[in-house]
């Protein structure tokens, strides 16, 4: 069990890993309560407003690529990093 606090937010991500016993094949499917495009909208919107990356490139980026692109834009600006972290919180999948 791992708890990861997202700085400048009130959000903690809980990661639980169970040992794989080999009896059930791994499918790679991760349940999502919202479509990925909807979840990534906050990151894409912030990237559109703060970077020179074009819309077509933003649409092809996954979560990690968007976050890396945003942080690379101004990694030492605490306010910018806080905005990226808040957009990340809104992009996290919500599980029931």
PDB file of N, CA and C in Angstrom:
ATOM      1  N   UNK A   1       0.852  -1.160   0.000  1.00  0.00           N
ATOM      2  CA  UNK A   1       0.000   0.000   0.000  1.00  0.00           C
ATOM      3  C   UNK A   1       0.902   1.228   0.000  1.00  0.00           C
ATOM      4  N   UNK A   2       0.556   2.167  -0.866  1.00  0.00           N
ATOM      5  CA  UNK A   2       1.343   3.391  -0.937  1.00  0.00           C
ATOM      6  C   UNK A   2       0.372   4.566  -1.039  1.00  0.00           C
ATOM      7  N   UNK A   3       0.661   5.603  -0.270  1.00  0.00           N
ATOM      8  CA  UNK A   3      -0.113   6.836  -0.309  1.00  0.00           C
ATOM      9  C   UNK A   3       0.760   7.913  -0.942  1.00  0.00           C
ATOM     10  N   UNK A   4       0.243   8.566  -1.974  1.00  0.00           N
ATOM     11  CA  UNK A   4       1.022   9.610  -2.642  1.00  0.00           C
ATOM     12  C   UNK A   4       0.235  10.906  -2.597  1.00  0.00           C
ATOM     13  N   UNK A   5       0.757  11.881  -1.875  1.00  0.00           N
ATOM     14  CA  UNK A   5       0.143  13.201  -1.792  1.00  0.00           C
ATOM     15  C   UNK A   5       0.537  13.996  -3.020  1.00  0.00           C
ATOM     16  N   UNK A   6      -0.436  14.658  -3.629  1.00  0.00           N
ATOM     17  CA  UNK A   6      -0.146  15.529  -4.760  1.00  0.00           C
ATOM     18  C   UNK A   6       0.048  16.927  -4.188  1.00  0.00           C
ATOM     19  N   UNK A   7       1.281  17.439  -4.218  1.00  0.00           N
ATOM     20  CA  UNK A   7       1.584  18.738  -3.606  1.00  0.00           C
ATOM     21  C   UNK A   7       0.682  19.862  -4.107  1.00  0.00           C
ATOM     22  N   UNK A   8       0.406  20.800  -3.233  1.00  0.00           N
ATOM     23  CA  UNK A   8      -0.444  21.968  -3.501  1.00  0.00           C
ATOM     24  C   UNK A   8      -1.901  21.589  -3.726  1.00  0.00           C
ATOM     25  N   UNK A   9      -2.284  20.392  -3.295  1.00  0.00           N
ATOM     26  CA  UNK A   9      -3.678  19.964  -3.366  1.00  0.00           C
ATOM     27  C   UNK A   9      -4.028  19.281  -2.050  1.00  0.00           C
ATOM     28  N   UNK A  10      -5.288  18.940  -1.913  1.00  0.00           N
ATOM     29  CA  UNK A  10      -5.731  18.173  -0.753  1.00  0.00           C
ATOM     30  C   UNK A  10      -5.992  16.719  -1.144  1.00  0.00           C
ATOM     31  N   UNK A  11      -5.313  16.258  -2.178  1.00  0.00           N
ATOM     32  CA  UNK A  11      -5.564  14.933  -2.737  1.00  0.00           C
ATOM     33  C   UNK A  11      -4.427  13.976  -2.429  1.00  0.00           C
ATOM     34  N   UNK A  12      -4.817  12.773  -2.044  1.00  0.00           N
ATOM     35  CA  UNK A  12      -3.868  11.681  -1.830  1.00  0.00           C
ATOM     36  C   UNK A  12      -4.312  10.536  -2.729  1.00  0.00           C
ATOM     37  N   UNK A  13      -3.380   9.998  -3.489  1.00  0.00           N
ATOM     38  CA  UNK A  13      -3.653   8.841  -4.337  1.00  0.00           C
ATOM     39  C   UNK A  13      -3.224   7.607  -3.569  1.00  0.00           C
ATOM     40  N   UNK A  14      -4.108   6.630  -3.508  1.00  0.00           N
ATOM     41  CA  UNK A  14      -3.808   5.380  -2.811  1.00  0.00           C
ATOM     42  C   UNK A  14      -3.526   4.319  -3.864  1.00  0.00           C
ATOM     43  N   UNK A  15      -2.360   3.703  -3.757  1.00  0.00           N
ATOM     44  CA  UNK A  15      -1.966   2.639  -4.682  1.00  0.00           C
ATOM     45  C   UNK A  15      -1.847   1.361  -3.879  1.00  0.00           C
ATOM     46  N   UNK A  16      -2.602   0.355  -4.299  1.00  0.00           N
ATOM     47  CA  UNK A  16      -2.546  -0.943  -3.629  1.00  0.00           C
ATOM     48  C   UNK A  16      -2.109  -1.980  -4.640  1.00  0.00           C
ATOM     49  N   UNK A  17      -1.101  -2.733  -4.302  1.00  0.00           N
ATOM     50  CA  UNK A  17      -0.588  -3.774  -5.185  1.00  0.00           C
ATOM     51  C   UNK A  17      -0.732  -5.116  -4.499  1.00  0.00           C
ATOM     52  N   UNK A  18      -1.424  -6.021  -5.157  1.00  0.00           N
ATOM     53  CA  UNK A  18      -1.557  -7.376  -4.649  1.00  0.00           C
ATOM     54  C   UNK A  18      -0.616  -8.275  -5.428  1.00  0.00           C
ATOM     55  N   UNK A  19      -0.001  -9.235  -4.759  1.00  0.00           N
ATOM     56  CA  UNK A  19       0.889 -10.149  -5.489  1.00  0.00           C
ATOM     57  C   UNK A  19       0.107 -10.901  -6.567  1.00  0.00           C
ATOM     58  N   UNK A  20       0.731 -11.080  -7.727  1.00  0.00           N
ATOM     59  CA  UNK A  20       0.120 -11.815  -8.825  1.00  0.00           C
ATOM     60  C   UNK A  20       0.397 -13.288  -8.643  1.00  0.00           C
ATOM     61  N   UNK A  21      -0.680 -14.086  -8.544  1.00  0.00           N
ATOM     62  CA  UNK A  21      -0.475 -15.514  -8.305  1.00  0.00           C
ATOM     63  C   UNK A  21      -0.493 -16.350  -9.584  1.00  0.00           C
ATOM     64  N   UNK A  22      -0.751 -15.729 -10.735  1.00  0.00           N
ATOM     65  CA  UNK A  22      -0.695 -16.440 -12.002  1.00  0.00           C
ATOM     66  C   UNK A  22      -1.957 -17.202 -12.360  1.00  0.00           C
ATOM     67  N   UNK A  23      -2.985 -17.187 -11.509  1.00  0.00           N
ATOM     68  CA  UNK A  23      -4.195 -17.958 -11.804  1.00  0.00           C
ATOM     69  C   UNK A  23      -5.162 -17.217 -12.726  1.00  0.00           C
ATOM     70  N   UNK A  24      -5.087 -15.910 -12.751  1.00  0.00           N
ATOM     71  CA  UNK A  24      -5.966 -15.119 -13.608  1.00  0.00           C
ATOM     72  C   UNK A  24      -5.094 -14.386 -14.614  1.00  0.00           C
ATOM     73  N   UNK A  25      -5.375 -14.536 -15.912  1.00  0.00           N
ATOM     74  CA  UNK A  25      -4.538 -13.838 -16.896  1.00  0.00           C
ATOM     75  C   UNK A  25      -4.697 -12.324 -16.785  1.00  0.00           C
ATOM     76  N   UNK A  26      -3.595 -11.624 -16.948  1.00  0.00           N
ATOM     77  CA  UNK A  26      -3.631 -10.164 -16.937  1.00  0.00           C
ATOM     78  C   UNK A  26      -4.184  -9.679 -18.269  1.00  0.00           C
ATOM     79  N   UNK A  27      -5.156  -8.777 -18.213  1.00  0.00           N
ATOM     80  CA  UNK A  27      -5.761  -8.282 -19.453  1.00  0.00           C
ATOM     81  C   UNK A  27      -5.283  -6.883 -19.789  1.00  0.00           C
ATOM     82  N   UNK A  28      -4.774  -6.156 -18.806  1.00  0.00           N
ATOM     83  CA  UNK A  28      -4.350  -4.786 -19.044  1.00  0.00           C
ATOM     84  C   UNK A  28      -5.485  -3.801 -18.993  1.00  0.00           C
ATOM     85  N   UNK A  29      -6.710  -4.278 -18.773  1.00  0.00           N
ATOM     86  CA  UNK A  29      -7.857  -3.384 -18.706  1.00  0.00           C
ATOM     87  C   UNK A  29      -7.929  -2.737 -17.334  1.00  0.00           C
ATOM     88  N   UNK A  30      -8.027  -1.427 -17.333  1.00  0.00           N
ATOM     89  CA  UNK A  30      -8.163  -0.674 -16.094  1.00  0.00           C
ATOM     90  C   UNK A  30      -9.520  -0.006 -16.124  1.00  0.00           C
ATOM     91  N   UNK A  31     -10.357  -0.265 -15.130  1.00  0.00           N
ATOM     92  CA  UNK A  31     -11.684   0.356 -15.161  1.00  0.00           C
ATOM     93  C   UNK A  31     -11.588   1.871 -15.047  1.00  0.00           C
ATOM     94  N   UNK A  32     -12.415   2.568 -15.807  1.00  0.00           N
ATOM     95  CA  UNK A  32     -12.453   4.026 -15.764  1.00  0.00           C
ATOM     96  C   UNK A  32     -13.908   4.448 -15.631  1.00  0.00           C
ATOM     97  N   UNK A  33     -14.159   5.406 -14.794  1.00  0.00           N
ATOM     98  CA  UNK A  33     -15.534   5.862 -14.645  1.00  0.00           C
ATOM     99  C   UNK A  33     -15.889   6.907 -15.687  1.00  0.00           C
ATOM    100  N   UNK A  34     -14.900   7.564 -16.303  1.00  0.00           N
ATOM    101  CA  UNK A  34     -15.134   8.521 -17.378  1.00  0.00           C
ATOM    102  C   UNK A  34     -14.229   8.177 -18.546  1.00  0.00           C
ATOM    103  N   UNK A  35     -14.637   8.544 -19.762  1.00  0.00           N
ATOM    104  CA  UNK A  35     -13.745   8.316 -20.909  1.00  0.00           C
ATOM    105  C   UNK A  35     -12.441   9.086 -20.735  1.00  0.00           C
ATOM    106  N   UNK A  36     -11.354   8.546 -21.278  1.00  0.00           N
ATOM    107  CA  UNK A  36     -10.042   9.159 -21.099  1.00  0.00           C
ATOM    108  C   UNK A  36      -9.994  10.590 -21.628  1.00  0.00           C
ATOM    109  N   UNK A  37     -10.625  10.857 -22.760  1.00  0.00           N
ATOM    110  CA  UNK A  37     -10.628  12.212 -23.312  1.00  0.00           C
ATOM    111  C   UNK A  37     -11.220  13.214 -22.339  1.00  0.00           C
ATOM    112  N   UNK A  38     -12.277  12.801 -21.653  1.00  0.00           N
ATOM    113  CA  UNK A  38     -12.918  13.666 -20.662  1.00  0.00           C
ATOM    114  C   UNK A  38     -11.976  13.889 -19.473  1.00  0.00           C
ATOM    115  N   UNK A  39     -11.334  12.828 -19.028  1.00  0.00           N
ATOM    116  CA  UNK A  39     -10.438  12.938 -17.871  1.00  0.00           C
ATOM    117  C   UNK A  39      -9.224  13.791 -18.170  1.00  0.00           C
ATOM    118  N   UNK A  40      -8.712  13.749 -19.399  1.00  0.00           N
ATOM    119  CA  UNK A  40      -7.506  14.492 -19.733  1.00  0.00           C
ATOM    120  C   UNK A  40      -7.783  15.940 -20.118  1.00  0.00           C
ATOM    121  N   UNK A  41      -9.038  16.316 -20.200  1.00  0.00           N
ATOM    122  CA  UNK A  41      -9.403  17.679 -20.612  1.00  0.00           C
ATOM    123  C   UNK A  41      -8.747  18.762 -19.760  1.00  0.00           C
ATOM    124  N   UNK A  42      -8.686  18.643 -18.423  1.00  0.00           N
ATOM    125  CA  UNK A  42      -8.033  19.697 -17.632  1.00  0.00           C
ATOM    126  C   UNK A  42      -6.547  19.863 -17.966  1.00  0.00           C
ATOM    127  N   UNK A  43      -5.845  18.753 -18.173  1.00  0.00           N
ATOM    128  CA  UNK A  43      -4.424  18.829 -18.534  1.00  0.00           C
ATOM    129  C   UNK A  43      -4.255  19.419 -19.932  1.00  0.00           C
ATOM    130  N   UNK A  44      -5.097  18.989 -20.865  1.00  0.00           N
ATOM    131  CA  UNK A  44      -5.002  19.523 -22.232  1.00  0.00           C
ATOM    132  C   UNK A  44      -5.325  21.007 -22.271  1.00  0.00           C
ATOM    133  N   UNK A  45      -6.307  21.413 -21.512  1.00  0.00           N
ATOM    134  CA  UNK A  45      -6.686  22.829 -21.469  1.00  0.00           C
ATOM    135  C   UNK A  45      -5.546  23.677 -20.910  1.00  0.00           C
ATOM    136  N   UNK A  46      -4.940  23.228 -19.837  1.00  0.00           N
ATOM    137  CA  UNK A  46      -3.817  23.961 -19.252  1.00  0.00           C
ATOM    138  C   UNK A  46      -2.629  23.980 -20.212  1.00  0.00           C
ATOM    139  N   UNK A  47      -2.362  22.870 -20.874  1.00  0.00           N
ATOM    140  CA  UNK A  47      -1.256  22.817 -21.833  1.00  0.00           C
ATOM    141  C   UNK A  47      -1.515  23.752 -23.009  1.00  0.00           C
ATOM    142  N   UNK A  48      -2.747  23.806 -23.462  1.00  0.00           N
ATOM    143  CA  UNK A  48      -3.092  24.708 -24.571  1.00  0.00           C
ATOM    144  C   UNK A  48      -2.847  26.169 -24.174  1.00  0.00           C
ATOM    145  N   UNK A  49      -3.139  26.494 -22.915  1.00  0.00           N
ATOM    146  CA  UNK A  49      -3.006  27.874 -22.442  1.00  0.00           C
ATOM    147  C   UNK A  49      -1.565  28.258 -22.086  1.00  0.00           C
ATOM    148  N   UNK A  50      -0.731  27.281 -21.754  1.00  0.00           N
ATOM    149  CA  UNK A  50       0.586  27.624 -21.217  1.00  0.00           C
ATOM    150  C   UNK A  50       1.768  27.136 -22.049  1.00  0.00           C
ATOM    151  N   UNK A  51       1.520  26.366 -23.093  1.00  0.00           N
ATOM    152  CA  UNK A  51       2.624  25.841 -23.910  1.00  0.00           C
ATOM    153  C   UNK A  51       2.420  26.228 -25.373  1.00  0.00           C
ATOM    154  N   UNK A  52       3.425  25.977 -26.170  1.00  0.00           N
ATOM    155  CA  UNK A  52       3.355  26.237 -27.614  1.00  0.00           C
ATOM    156  C   UNK A  52       2.995  24.969 -28.395  1.00  0.00           C
ATOM    157  N   UNK A  53       2.624  23.904 -27.707  1.00  0.00           N
ATOM    158  CA  UNK A  53       2.286  22.648 -28.363  1.00  0.00           C
ATOM    159  C   UNK A  53       0.933  22.817 -29.053  1.00  0.00           C
ATOM    160  N   UNK A  54       0.832  22.348 -30.302  1.00  0.00           N
ATOM    161  CA  UNK A  54      -0.424  22.527 -31.036  1.00  0.00           C
ATOM    162  C   UNK A  54      -1.493  21.538 -30.565  1.00  0.00           C
ATOM    163  N   UNK A  55      -2.733  21.854 -30.878  1.00  0.00           N
ATOM    164  CA  UNK A  55      -3.878  21.056 -30.418  1.00  0.00           C
ATOM    165  C   UNK A  55      -3.813  19.612 -30.886  1.00  0.00           C
ATOM    166  N   UNK A  56      -3.363  19.390 -32.110  1.00  0.00           N
ATOM    167  CA  UNK A  56      -3.281  18.018 -32.623  1.00  0.00           C
ATOM    168  C   UNK A  56      -2.307  17.184 -31.789  1.00  0.00           C
ATOM    169  N   UNK A  57      -1.162  17.761 -31.445  1.00  0.00           N
ATOM    170  CA  UNK A  57      -0.189  17.049 -30.615  1.00  0.00           C
ATOM    171  C   UNK A  57      -0.769  16.783 -29.229  1.00  0.00           C
ATOM    172  N   UNK A  58      -1.463  17.766 -28.667  1.00  0.00           N
ATOM    173  CA  UNK A  58      -2.047  17.587 -27.335  1.00  0.00           C
ATOM    174  C   UNK A  58      -3.056  16.446 -27.329  1.00  0.00           C
ATOM    175  N   UNK A  59      -3.839  16.322 -28.384  1.00  0.00           N
ATOM    176  CA  UNK A  59      -4.848  15.265 -28.452  1.00  0.00           C
ATOM    177  C   UNK A  59      -4.213  13.875 -28.517  1.00  0.00           C
ATOM    178  N   UNK A  60      -2.989  13.794 -29.023  1.00  0.00           N
ATOM    179  CA  UNK A  60      -2.344  12.485 -29.150  1.00  0.00           C
ATOM    180  C   UNK A  60      -1.544  12.094 -27.905  1.00  0.00           C
ATOM    181  N   UNK A  61      -1.418  13.016 -26.945  1.00  0.00           N
ATOM    182  CA  UNK A  61      -0.620  12.729 -25.744  1.00  0.00           C
ATOM    183  C   UNK A  61      -1.448  12.001 -24.686  1.00  0.00           C
ATOM    184  N   UNK A  62      -0.789  11.077 -23.983  1.00  0.00           N
ATOM    185  CA  UNK A  62      -1.439  10.407 -22.860  1.00  0.00           C
ATOM    186  C   UNK A  62      -1.213  11.227 -21.583  1.00  0.00           C
ATOM    187  N   UNK A  63      -1.698  10.724 -20.482  1.00  0.00           N
ATOM    188  CA  UNK A  63      -1.619  11.437 -19.205  1.00  0.00           C
ATOM    189  C   UNK A  63      -0.183  11.814 -18.848  1.00  0.00           C
ATOM    190  N   UNK A  64       0.713  10.833 -18.885  1.00  0.00           N
ATOM    191  CA  UNK A  64       2.106  11.081 -18.483  1.00  0.00           C
ATOM    192  C   UNK A  64       2.781  12.085 -19.410  1.00  0.00           C
ATOM    193  N   UNK A  65       2.524  11.982 -20.705  1.00  0.00           N
ATOM    194  CA  UNK A  65       3.125  12.908 -21.662  1.00  0.00           C
ATOM    195  C   UNK A  65       2.625  14.339 -21.437  1.00  0.00           C
ATOM    196  N   UNK A  66       1.335  14.484 -21.184  1.00  0.00           N
ATOM    197  CA  UNK A  66       0.780  15.815 -20.918  1.00  0.00           C
ATOM    198  C   UNK A  66       1.398  16.421 -19.664  1.00  0.00           C
ATOM    199  N   UNK A  67       1.471  15.619 -18.617  1.00  0.00           N
ATOM    200  CA  UNK A  67       2.034  16.130 -17.354  1.00  0.00           C
ATOM    201  C   UNK A  67       3.496  16.513 -17.546  1.00  0.00           C
ATOM    202  N   UNK A  68       4.266  15.674 -18.215  1.00  0.00           N
ATOM    203  CA  UNK A  68       5.679  15.982 -18.469  1.00  0.00           C
ATOM    204  C   UNK A  68       5.826  17.250 -19.304  1.00  0.00           C
ATOM    205  N   UNK A  69       4.992  17.403 -20.323  1.00  0.00           N
ATOM    206  CA  UNK A  69       5.027  18.593 -21.177  1.00  0.00           C
ATOM    207  C   UNK A  69       4.744  19.846 -20.354  1.00  0.00           C
ATOM    208  N   UNK A  70       3.741  19.773 -19.502  1.00  0.00           N
ATOM    209  CA  UNK A  70       3.383  20.927 -18.672  1.00  0.00           C
ATOM    210  C   UNK A  70       4.491  21.274 -17.687  1.00  0.00           C
ATOM    211  N   UNK A  71       5.036  20.283 -17.025  1.00  0.00           N
ATOM    212  CA  UNK A  71       6.083  20.558 -16.035  1.00  0.00           C
ATOM    213  C   UNK A  71       7.356  21.066 -16.694  1.00  0.00           C
ATOM    214  N   UNK A  72       7.645  20.603 -17.894  1.00  0.00           N
ATOM    215  CA  UNK A  72       8.848  21.052 -18.601  1.00  0.00           C
ATOM    216  C   UNK A  72       8.750  22.530 -18.982  1.00  0.00           C
ATOM    217  N   UNK A  73       7.540  23.027 -19.101  1.00  0.00           N
ATOM    218  CA  UNK A  73       7.336  24.421 -19.506  1.00  0.00           C
ATOM    219  C   UNK A  73       7.912  25.403 -18.483  1.00  0.00           C
ATOM    220  N   UNK A  74       7.765  25.110 -17.210  1.00  0.00           N
ATOM    221  CA  UNK A  74       8.256  26.022 -16.180  1.00  0.00           C
ATOM    222  C   UNK A  74       8.403  25.270 -14.852  1.00  0.00           C
ATOM    223  N   UNK A  75       9.373  24.354 -14.748  1.00  0.00           N
ATOM    224  CA  UNK A  75       9.461  23.467 -13.589  1.00  0.00           C
ATOM    225  C   UNK A  75       9.836  24.144 -12.269  1.00  0.00           C
ATOM    226  N   UNK A  76      10.370  25.347 -12.318  1.00  0.00           N
ATOM    227  CA  UNK A  76      10.787  26.010 -11.077  1.00  0.00           C
ATOM    228  C   UNK A  76       9.778  27.040 -10.574  1.00  0.00           C
ATOM    229  N   UNK A  77       8.694  27.233 -11.303  1.00  0.00           N
ATOM    230  CA  UNK A  77       7.651  28.174 -10.884  1.00  0.00           C
ATOM    231  C   UNK A  77       6.635  27.422 -10.026  1.00  0.00           C
ATOM    232  N   UNK A  78       6.637  27.695  -8.727  1.00  0.00           N
ATOM    233  CA  UNK A  78       5.782  26.966  -7.790  1.00  0.00           C
ATOM    234  C   UNK A  78       4.303  27.112  -8.133  1.00  0.00           C
ATOM    235  N   UNK A  79       3.889  28.288  -8.593  1.00  0.00           N
ATOM    236  CA  UNK A  79       2.482  28.482  -8.953  1.00  0.00           C
ATOM    237  C   UNK A  79       2.106  27.644 -10.173  1.00  0.00           C
ATOM    238  N   UNK A  80       3.001  27.577 -11.144  1.00  0.00           N
ATOM    239  CA  UNK A  80       2.737  26.757 -12.336  1.00  0.00           C
ATOM    240  C   UNK A  80       2.638  25.288 -11.955  1.00  0.00           C
ATOM    241  N   UNK A  81       3.571  24.803 -11.143  1.00  0.00           N
ATOM    242  CA  UNK A  81       3.552  23.406 -10.715  1.00  0.00           C
ATOM    243  C   UNK A  81       2.270  23.110  -9.936  1.00  0.00           C
ATOM    244  N   UNK A  82       1.827  24.045  -9.101  1.00  0.00           N
ATOM    245  CA  UNK A  82       0.576  23.865  -8.352  1.00  0.00           C
ATOM    246  C   UNK A  82      -0.611  23.754  -9.312  1.00  0.00           C
ATOM    247  N   UNK A  83      -0.628  24.565 -10.375  1.00  0.00           N
ATOM    248  CA  UNK A  83      -1.708  24.488 -11.371  1.00  0.00           C
ATOM    249  C   UNK A  83      -1.679  23.139 -12.095  1.00  0.00           C
ATOM    250  N   UNK A  84      -0.488  22.661 -12.416  1.00  0.00           N
ATOM    251  CA  UNK A  84      -0.358  21.355 -13.067  1.00  0.00           C
ATOM    252  C   UNK A  84      -0.873  20.272 -12.130  1.00  0.00           C
ATOM    253  N   UNK A  85      -0.497  20.334 -10.863  1.00  0.00           N
ATOM    254  CA  UNK A  85      -0.936  19.334  -9.891  1.00  0.00           C
ATOM    255  C   UNK A  85      -2.450  19.346  -9.728  1.00  0.00           C
ATOM    256  N   UNK A  86      -3.061  20.531  -9.721  1.00  0.00           N
ATOM    257  CA  UNK A  86      -4.515  20.613  -9.593  1.00  0.00           C
ATOM    258  C   UNK A  86      -5.188  20.020 -10.826  1.00  0.00           C
ATOM    259  N   UNK A  87      -4.650  20.289 -12.016  1.00  0.00           N
ATOM    260  CA  UNK A  87      -5.200  19.683 -13.237  1.00  0.00           C
ATOM    261  C   UNK A  87      -5.048  18.164 -13.191  1.00  0.00           C
ATOM    262  N   UNK A  88      -3.949  17.695 -12.623  1.00  0.00           N
ATOM    263  CA  UNK A  88      -3.735  16.251 -12.484  1.00  0.00           C
ATOM    264  C   UNK A  88      -4.798  15.631 -11.595  1.00  0.00           C
ATOM    265  N   UNK A  89      -5.130  16.299 -10.505  1.00  0.00           N
ATOM    266  CA  UNK A  89      -6.154  15.781  -9.594  1.00  0.00           C
ATOM    267  C   UNK A  89      -7.469  15.575 -10.341  1.00  0.00           C
ATOM    268  N   UNK A  90      -7.853  16.557 -11.158  1.00  0.00           N
ATOM    269  CA  UNK A  90      -9.107  16.452 -11.908  1.00  0.00           C
ATOM    270  C   UNK A  90      -9.030  15.381 -12.984  1.00  0.00           C
ATOM    271  N   UNK A  91      -7.818  14.974 -13.372  1.00  0.00           N
ATOM    272  CA  UNK A  91      -7.635  13.971 -14.425  1.00  0.00           C
ATOM    273  C   UNK A  91      -7.548  12.546 -13.896  1.00  0.00           C
ATOM    274  N   UNK A  92      -7.443  12.403 -12.591  1.00  0.00           N
ATOM    275  CA  UNK A  92      -7.318  11.053 -12.026  1.00  0.00           C
ATOM    276  C   UNK A  92      -8.602  10.271 -12.223  1.00  0.00           C
ATOM    277  N   UNK A  93      -8.502   8.987 -12.557  1.00  0.00           N
ATOM    278  CA  UNK A  93      -9.725   8.168 -12.688  1.00  0.00           C
ATOM    279  C   UNK A  93     -10.397   8.039 -11.336  1.00  0.00           C
ATOM    280  N   UNK A  94     -11.694   8.032 -11.366  1.00  0.00           N
ATOM    281  CA  UNK A  94     -12.484   7.860 -10.134  1.00  0.00           C
ATOM    282  C   UNK A  94     -13.042   6.439 -10.126  1.00  0.00           C
ATOM    283  N   UNK A  95     -12.675   5.685  -9.117  1.00  0.00           N
ATOM    284  CA  UNK A  95     -13.150   4.315  -8.991  1.00  0.00           C
ATOM    285  C   UNK A  95     -14.199   4.260  -7.896  1.00  0.00           C
ATOM    286  N   UNK A  96     -15.177   3.423  -8.111  1.00  0.00           N
ATOM    287  CA  UNK A  96     -16.235   3.246  -7.099  1.00  0.00           C
ATOM    288  C   UNK A  96     -15.834   2.191  -6.107  1.00  0.00           C
TER     289      UNK A  96
END
